[in-house]
Amino acid sequence: YTADENGYQPRGAHLPTPPPTPEHILKA
């Protein structure tokens, strides 16, 4: 992890990841 002016930023393979952004949202 890092914590700085951009906030707390954890990294790890065990952390959940968001689903991909739907195509219609990317187009919008």
PDB file of all heavy atoms in Angstrom:
ATOM      1  N   TYR A   1       0.822  -1.209   0.000  1.00  0.00           N
ATOM      2  CA  TYR A   1       0.000   0.000   0.000  1.00  0.00           C
ATOM      3  C   TYR A   1       0.854   1.255   0.000  1.00  0.00           C
ATOM      4  O   TYR A   1       2.021   1.235   0.382  1.00  0.00           O
ATOM      5  CB  TYR A   1      -0.934   0.011   1.214  1.00  0.00           C
ATOM      6  CG  TYR A   1      -0.198  -0.024   2.531  1.00  0.00           C
ATOM      7  CD1 TYR A   1       0.242   1.145   3.152  1.00  0.00           C
ATOM      8  CD2 TYR A   1       0.086  -1.225   3.156  1.00  0.00           C
ATOM      9  CE1 TYR A   1       0.927   1.102   4.342  1.00  0.00           C
ATOM     10  CE2 TYR A   1       0.762  -1.280   4.352  1.00  0.00           C
ATOM     11  CZ  TYR A   1       1.178  -0.092   4.947  1.00  0.00           C
ATOM     12  OH  TYR A   1       1.875  -0.142   6.130  1.00  0.00           O
ATOM     13  N   THR A   2       0.246   2.313  -0.462  1.00  0.00           N
ATOM     14  CA  THR A   2       0.780   3.653  -0.315  1.00  0.00           C
ATOM     15  C   THR A   2      -0.350   4.519   0.202  1.00  0.00           C
ATOM     16  O   THR A   2      -1.530   4.253  -0.040  1.00  0.00           O
ATOM     17  CB  THR A   2       1.312   4.239  -1.638  1.00  0.00           C
ATOM     18  OG1 THR A   2       0.263   4.211  -2.603  1.00  0.00           O
ATOM     19  CG2 THR A   2       2.502   3.484  -2.160  1.00  0.00           C
ATOM     20  N   ALA A   3       0.017   5.541   0.925  1.00  0.00           N
ATOM     21  CA  ALA A   3      -0.944   6.521   1.410  1.00  0.00           C
ATOM     22  C   ALA A   3      -0.297   7.882   1.243  1.00  0.00           C
ATOM     23  O   ALA A   3       0.785   8.136   1.770  1.00  0.00           O
ATOM     24  CB  ALA A   3      -1.298   6.250   2.867  1.00  0.00           C
ATOM     25  N   ASP A   4      -0.942   8.733   0.453  1.00  0.00           N
ATOM     26  CA  ASP A   4      -0.381  10.048   0.182  1.00  0.00           C
ATOM     27  C   ASP A   4      -1.507  11.023  -0.135  1.00  0.00           C
ATOM     28  O   ASP A   4      -2.653  10.783   0.261  1.00  0.00           O
ATOM     29  CB  ASP A   4       0.643   9.976  -0.958  1.00  0.00           C
ATOM     30  CG  ASP A   4       0.075   9.374  -2.235  1.00  0.00           C
ATOM     31  OD1 ASP A   4      -1.154   9.332  -2.409  1.00  0.00           O
ATOM     32  OD2 ASP A   4       0.870   8.948  -3.087  1.00  0.00           O
ATOM     33  N   GLU A   5      -1.203  12.070  -0.876  1.00  0.00           N
ATOM     34  CA  GLU A   5      -2.229  13.062  -1.201  1.00  0.00           C
ATOM     35  C   GLU A   5      -3.364  12.478  -2.036  1.00  0.00           C
ATOM     36  O   GLU A   5      -4.441  13.052  -2.133  1.00  0.00           O
ATOM     37  CB  GLU A   5      -1.610  14.272  -1.930  1.00  0.00           C
ATOM     38  CG  GLU A   5      -1.056  13.982  -3.310  1.00  0.00           C
ATOM     39  CD  GLU A   5       0.378  13.462  -3.308  1.00  0.00           C
ATOM     40  OE1 GLU A   5       0.988  13.332  -2.231  1.00  0.00           O
ATOM     41  OE2 GLU A   5       0.899  13.180  -4.409  1.00  0.00           O
ATOM     42  N   ASN A   6      -3.153  11.320  -2.625  1.00  0.00           N
ATOM     43  CA  ASN A   6      -4.193  10.648  -3.407  1.00  0.00           C
ATOM     44  C   ASN A   6      -4.977   9.628  -2.583  1.00  0.00           C
ATOM     45  O   ASN A   6      -5.774   8.874  -3.129  1.00  0.00           O
ATOM     46  CB  ASN A   6      -3.571   9.957  -4.622  1.00  0.00           C
ATOM     47  CG  ASN A   6      -2.929  10.958  -5.551  1.00  0.00           C
ATOM     48  OD1 ASN A   6      -3.512  11.975  -5.861  1.00  0.00           O
ATOM     49  ND2 ASN A   6      -1.706  10.690  -5.965  1.00  0.00           N
ATOM     50  N   GLY A   7      -4.738   9.554  -1.276  1.00  0.00           N
ATOM     51  CA  GLY A   7      -5.460   8.637  -0.405  1.00  0.00           C
ATOM     52  C   GLY A   7      -4.733   7.322  -0.219  1.00  0.00           C
ATOM     53  O   GLY A   7      -3.586   7.150  -0.616  1.00  0.00           O
ATOM     54  N   TYR A   8      -5.438   6.399   0.400  1.00  0.00           N
ATOM     55  CA  TYR A   8      -4.902   5.063   0.672  1.00  0.00           C
ATOM     56  C   TYR A   8      -5.101   4.196  -0.563  1.00  0.00           C
ATOM     57  O   TYR A   8      -6.208   4.103  -1.094  1.00  0.00           O
ATOM     58  CB  TYR A   8      -5.635   4.462   1.879  1.00  0.00           C
ATOM     59  CG  TYR A   8      -5.222   3.061   2.207  1.00  0.00           C
ATOM     60  CD1 TYR A   8      -3.972   2.789   2.746  1.00  0.00           C
ATOM     61  CD2 TYR A   8      -6.092   2.006   2.000  1.00  0.00           C
ATOM     62  CE1 TYR A   8      -3.594   1.495   3.060  1.00  0.00           C
ATOM     63  CE2 TYR A   8      -5.727   0.701   2.315  1.00  0.00           C
ATOM     64  CZ  TYR A   8      -4.479   0.462   2.839  1.00  0.00           C
ATOM     65  OH  TYR A   8      -4.110  -0.815   3.146  1.00  0.00           O
ATOM     66  N   GLN A   9      -4.020   3.573  -1.041  1.00  0.00           N
ATOM     67  CA  GLN A   9      -4.066   2.791  -2.276  1.00  0.00           C
ATOM     68  C   GLN A   9      -3.489   1.400  -2.037  1.00  0.00           C
ATOM     69  O   GLN A   9      -2.287   1.185  -2.161  1.00  0.00           O
ATOM     70  CB  GLN A   9      -3.274   3.503  -3.364  1.00  0.00           C
ATOM     71  CG  GLN A   9      -3.779   4.906  -3.646  1.00  0.00           C
ATOM     72  CD  GLN A   9      -2.722   5.745  -4.328  1.00  0.00           C
ATOM     73  OE1 GLN A   9      -1.925   5.251  -5.117  1.00  0.00           O
ATOM     74  NE2 GLN A   9      -2.695   7.020  -4.014  1.00  0.00           N
ATOM     75  N   PRO A  10      -4.347   0.449  -1.670  1.00  0.00           N
ATOM     76  CA  PRO A  10      -3.859  -0.919  -1.453  1.00  0.00           C
ATOM     77  C   PRO A  10      -3.727  -1.679  -2.762  1.00  0.00           C
ATOM     78  O   PRO A  10      -4.432  -1.414  -3.728  1.00  0.00           O
ATOM     79  CB  PRO A  10      -4.950  -1.528  -0.577  1.00  0.00           C
ATOM     80  CG  PRO A  10      -6.189  -0.809  -0.999  1.00  0.00           C
ATOM     81  CD  PRO A  10      -5.762   0.593  -1.349  1.00  0.00           C
ATOM     82  N   ARG A  11      -2.799  -2.647  -2.789  1.00  0.00           N
ATOM     83  CA  ARG A  11      -2.618  -3.514  -3.937  1.00  0.00           C
ATOM     84  C   ARG A  11      -2.391  -4.929  -3.427  1.00  0.00           C
ATOM     85  O   ARG A  11      -1.591  -5.133  -2.526  1.00  0.00           O
ATOM     86  CB  ARG A  11      -1.407  -3.079  -4.758  1.00  0.00           C
ATOM     87  CG  ARG A  11      -1.565  -1.720  -5.419  1.00  0.00           C
ATOM     88  CD  ARG A  11      -0.286  -1.250  -6.111  1.00  0.00           C
ATOM     89  NE  ARG A  11       0.896  -1.180  -5.256  1.00  0.00           N
ATOM     90  CZ  ARG A  11       1.148  -0.213  -4.377  1.00  0.00           C
ATOM     91  NH1 ARG A  11       0.290   0.760  -4.196  1.00  0.00           N
ATOM     92  NH2 ARG A  11       2.253  -0.243  -3.659  1.00  0.00           N
ATOM     93  N   GLY A  12      -3.099  -5.874  -4.009  1.00  0.00           N
ATOM     94  CA  GLY A  12      -2.921  -7.272  -3.633  1.00  0.00           C
ATOM     95  C   GLY A  12      -3.808  -8.152  -4.485  1.00  0.00           C
ATOM     96  O   GLY A  12      -4.923  -7.762  -4.849  1.00  0.00           O
ATOM     97  N   ALA A  13      -3.330  -9.328  -4.792  1.00  0.00           N
ATOM     98  CA  ALA A  13      -4.084 -10.249  -5.642  1.00  0.00           C
ATOM     99  C   ALA A  13      -5.387 -10.695  -4.986  1.00  0.00           C
ATOM    100  O   ALA A  13      -6.326 -11.080  -5.674  1.00  0.00           O
ATOM    101  CB  ALA A  13      -3.227 -11.470  -5.969  1.00  0.00           C
ATOM    102  N   HIS A  14      -5.465 -10.628  -3.672  1.00  0.00           N
ATOM    103  CA  HIS A  14      -6.658 -11.070  -2.953  1.00  0.00           C
ATOM    104  C   HIS A  14      -7.768 -10.015  -2.918  1.00  0.00           C
ATOM    105  O   HIS A  14      -8.894 -10.317  -2.543  1.00  0.00           O
ATOM    106  CB  HIS A  14      -6.281 -11.444  -1.518  1.00  0.00           C
ATOM    107  CG  HIS A  14      -5.826 -10.266  -0.712  1.00  0.00           C
ATOM    108  ND1 HIS A  14      -4.611  -9.649  -0.937  1.00  0.00           N
ATOM    109  CD2 HIS A  14      -6.422  -9.579   0.279  1.00  0.00           C
ATOM    110  CE1 HIS A  14      -4.478  -8.645  -0.101  1.00  0.00           C
ATOM    111  NE2 HIS A  14      -5.563  -8.579   0.651  1.00  0.00           N
ATOM    112  N   LEU A  15      -7.464  -8.786  -3.313  1.00  0.00           N
ATOM    113  CA  LEU A  15      -8.457  -7.710  -3.263  1.00  0.00           C
ATOM    114  C   LEU A  15      -9.445  -7.825  -4.420  1.00  0.00           C
ATOM    115  O   LEU A  15      -9.062  -8.182  -5.534  1.00  0.00           O
ATOM    116  CB  LEU A  15      -7.764  -6.348  -3.308  1.00  0.00           C
ATOM    117  CG  LEU A  15      -6.844  -6.047  -2.130  1.00  0.00           C
ATOM    118  CD1 LEU A  15      -6.113  -4.728  -2.361  1.00  0.00           C
ATOM    119  CD2 LEU A  15      -7.624  -6.006  -0.830  1.00  0.00           C
ATOM    120  N   PRO A  16     -10.706  -7.516  -4.171  1.00  0.00           N
ATOM    121  CA  PRO A  16     -11.682  -7.587  -5.260  1.00  0.00           C
ATOM    122  C   PRO A  16     -11.405  -6.507  -6.307  1.00  0.00           C
ATOM    123  O   PRO A  16     -10.848  -5.457  -6.000  1.00  0.00           O
ATOM    124  CB  PRO A  16     -13.018  -7.347  -4.562  1.00  0.00           C
ATOM    125  CG  PRO A  16     -12.676  -6.629  -3.305  1.00  0.00           C
ATOM    126  CD  PRO A  16     -11.296  -7.083  -2.912  1.00  0.00           C
ATOM    127  N   THR A  17     -11.779  -6.782  -7.535  1.00  0.00           N
ATOM    128  CA  THR A  17     -11.617  -5.805  -8.611  1.00  0.00           C
ATOM    129  C   THR A  17     -12.991  -5.477  -9.175  1.00  0.00           C
ATOM    130  O   THR A  17     -13.890  -6.317  -9.170  1.00  0.00           O
ATOM    131  CB  THR A  17     -10.721  -6.352  -9.734  1.00  0.00           C
ATOM    132  OG1 THR A  17     -11.289  -7.561 -10.219  1.00  0.00           O
ATOM    133  CG2 THR A  17      -9.311  -6.609  -9.247  1.00  0.00           C
ATOM    134  N   PRO A  18     -13.158  -4.263  -9.673  1.00  0.00           N
ATOM    135  CA  PRO A  18     -14.472  -3.905 -10.229  1.00  0.00           C
ATOM    136  C   PRO A  18     -14.710  -4.630 -11.550  1.00  0.00           C
ATOM    137  O   PRO A  18     -13.762  -5.005 -12.244  1.00  0.00           O
ATOM    138  CB  PRO A  18     -14.354  -2.395 -10.452  1.00  0.00           C
ATOM    139  CG  PRO A  18     -12.899  -2.136 -10.591  1.00  0.00           C
ATOM    140  CD  PRO A  18     -12.209  -3.166  -9.731  1.00  0.00           C
ATOM    141  N   PRO A  19     -15.985  -4.809 -11.898  1.00  0.00           N
ATOM    142  CA  PRO A  19     -16.282  -5.432 -13.190  1.00  0.00           C
ATOM    143  C   PRO A  19     -15.897  -4.476 -14.317  1.00  0.00           C
ATOM    144  O   PRO A  19     -15.754  -3.268 -14.105  1.00  0.00           O
ATOM    145  CB  PRO A  19     -17.791  -5.658 -13.139  1.00  0.00           C
ATOM    146  CG  PRO A  19     -18.290  -4.641 -12.173  1.00  0.00           C
ATOM    147  CD  PRO A  19     -17.189  -4.450 -11.167  1.00  0.00           C
ATOM    148  N   PRO A  20     -15.750  -4.976 -15.539  1.00  0.00           N
ATOM    149  CA  PRO A  20     -15.419  -4.088 -16.653  1.00  0.00           C
ATOM    150  C   PRO A  20     -16.555  -3.089 -16.900  1.00  0.00           C
ATOM    151  O   PRO A  20     -17.721  -3.387 -16.654  1.00  0.00           O
ATOM    152  CB  PRO A  20     -15.241  -5.028 -17.846  1.00  0.00           C
ATOM    153  CG  PRO A  20     -15.704  -6.369 -17.412  1.00  0.00           C
ATOM    154  CD  PRO A  20     -15.851  -6.364 -15.936  1.00  0.00           C
ATOM    155  N   THR A  21     -16.186  -1.916 -17.371  1.00  0.00           N
ATOM    156  CA  THR A  21     -17.181  -0.887 -17.676  1.00  0.00           C
ATOM    157  C   THR A  21     -17.973  -1.316 -18.907  1.00  0.00           C
ATOM    158  O   THR A  21     -17.388  -1.662 -19.932  1.00  0.00           O
ATOM    159  CB  THR A  21     -16.494   0.468 -17.937  1.00  0.00           C
ATOM    160  OG1 THR A  21     -15.663   0.782 -16.817  1.00  0.00           O
ATOM    161  CG2 THR A  21     -17.500   1.574 -18.148  1.00  0.00           C
ATOM    162  N   PRO A  22     -19.320  -1.293 -18.821  1.00  0.00           N
ATOM    163  CA  PRO A  22     -20.140  -1.703 -19.969  1.00  0.00           C
ATOM    164  C   PRO A  22     -19.876  -0.829 -21.199  1.00  0.00           C
ATOM    165  O   PRO A  22     -19.570   0.356 -21.082  1.00  0.00           O
ATOM    166  CB  PRO A  22     -21.576  -1.519 -19.472  1.00  0.00           C
ATOM    167  CG  PRO A  22     -21.474  -1.525 -17.988  1.00  0.00           C
ATOM    168  CD  PRO A  22     -20.124  -0.965 -17.654  1.00  0.00           C
ATOM    169  N   GLU A  23     -20.001  -1.433 -22.367  1.00  0.00           N
ATOM    170  CA  GLU A  23     -19.725  -0.745 -23.636  1.00  0.00           C
ATOM    171  C   GLU A  23     -20.570   0.517 -23.797  1.00  0.00           C
ATOM    172  O   GLU A  23     -20.082   1.546 -24.257  1.00  0.00           O
ATOM    173  CB  GLU A  23     -19.949  -1.709 -24.805  1.00  0.00           C
ATOM    174  CG  GLU A  23     -19.527  -1.148 -26.156  1.00  0.00           C
ATOM    175  CD  GLU A  23     -18.039  -0.850 -26.248  1.00  0.00           C
ATOM    176  OE1 GLU A  23     -17.242  -1.559 -25.620  1.00  0.00           O
ATOM    177  OE2 GLU A  23     -17.680   0.109 -26.961  1.00  0.00           O
ATOM    178  N   HIS A  24     -21.849   0.457 -23.426  1.00  0.00           N
ATOM    179  CA  HIS A  24     -22.712   1.633 -23.613  1.00  0.00           C
ATOM    180  C   HIS A  24     -22.268   2.795 -22.726  1.00  0.00           C
ATOM    181  O   HIS A  24     -22.407   3.956 -23.110  1.00  0.00           O
ATOM    182  CB  HIS A  24     -24.189   1.283 -23.365  1.00  0.00           C
ATOM    183  CG  HIS A  24     -24.507   0.873 -21.970  1.00  0.00           C
ATOM    184  ND1 HIS A  24     -24.270  -0.398 -21.500  1.00  0.00           N
ATOM    185  CD2 HIS A  24     -25.040   1.567 -20.940  1.00  0.00           C
ATOM    186  CE1 HIS A  24     -24.648  -0.469 -20.231  1.00  0.00           C
ATOM    187  NE2 HIS A  24     -25.121   0.711 -19.866  1.00  0.00           N
ATOM    188  N   ILE A  25     -21.682   2.510 -21.564  1.00  0.00           N
ATOM    189  CA  ILE A  25     -21.157   3.580 -20.702  1.00  0.00           C
ATOM    190  C   ILE A  25     -19.902   4.178 -21.329  1.00  0.00           C
ATOM    191  O   ILE A  25     -19.721   5.396 -21.348  1.00  0.00           O
ATOM    192  CB  ILE A  25     -20.860   3.051 -19.288  1.00  0.00           C
ATOM    193  CG1 ILE A  25     -22.125   2.527 -18.626  1.00  0.00           C
ATOM    194  CG2 ILE A  25     -20.173   4.101 -18.432  1.00  0.00           C
ATOM    195  CD1 ILE A  25     -23.185   3.586 -18.373  1.00  0.00           C
ATOM    196  N   LEU A  26     -19.039   3.333 -21.881  1.00  0.00           N
ATOM    197  CA  LEU A  26     -17.835   3.836 -22.548  1.00  0.00           C
ATOM    198  C   LEU A  26     -18.199   4.733 -23.734  1.00  0.00           C
ATOM    199  O   LEU A  26     -17.587   5.791 -23.943  1.00  0.00           O
ATOM    200  CB  LEU A  26     -16.957   2.672 -23.013  1.00  0.00           C
ATOM    201  CG  LEU A  26     -16.321   1.838 -21.901  1.00  0.00           C
ATOM    202  CD1 LEU A  26     -15.606   0.626 -22.488  1.00  0.00           C
ATOM    203  CD2 LEU A  26     -15.379   2.676 -21.075  1.00  0.00           C
ATOM    204  N   LYS A  27     -19.227   4.330 -24.505  1.00  0.00           N
ATOM    205  CA  LYS A  27     -19.672   5.145 -25.641  1.00  0.00           C
ATOM    206  C   LYS A  27     -20.238   6.476 -25.163  1.00  0.00           C
ATOM    207  O   LYS A  27     -19.977   7.527 -25.759  1.00  0.00           O
ATOM    208  CB  LYS A  27     -20.722   4.397 -26.460  1.00  0.00           C
ATOM    209  CG  LYS A  27     -20.158   3.278 -27.296  1.00  0.00           C
ATOM    210  CD  LYS A  27     -21.258   2.592 -28.094  1.00  0.00           C
ATOM    211  CE  LYS A  27     -20.717   1.431 -28.900  1.00  0.00           C
ATOM    212  NZ  LYS A  27     -21.773   0.749 -29.659  1.00  0.00           N
ATOM    213  N   ALA A  28     -21.011   6.442 -24.081  1.00  0.00           N
ATOM    214  CA  ALA A  28     -21.587   7.678 -23.541  1.00  0.00           C
ATOM    215  C   ALA A  28     -20.491   8.621 -23.052  1.00  0.00           C
ATOM    216  O   ALA A  28     -20.543   9.830 -23.292  1.00  0.00           O
ATOM    217  CB  ALA A  28     -22.564   7.365 -22.417  1.00  0.00           C
TER     218      ALA A  28
END
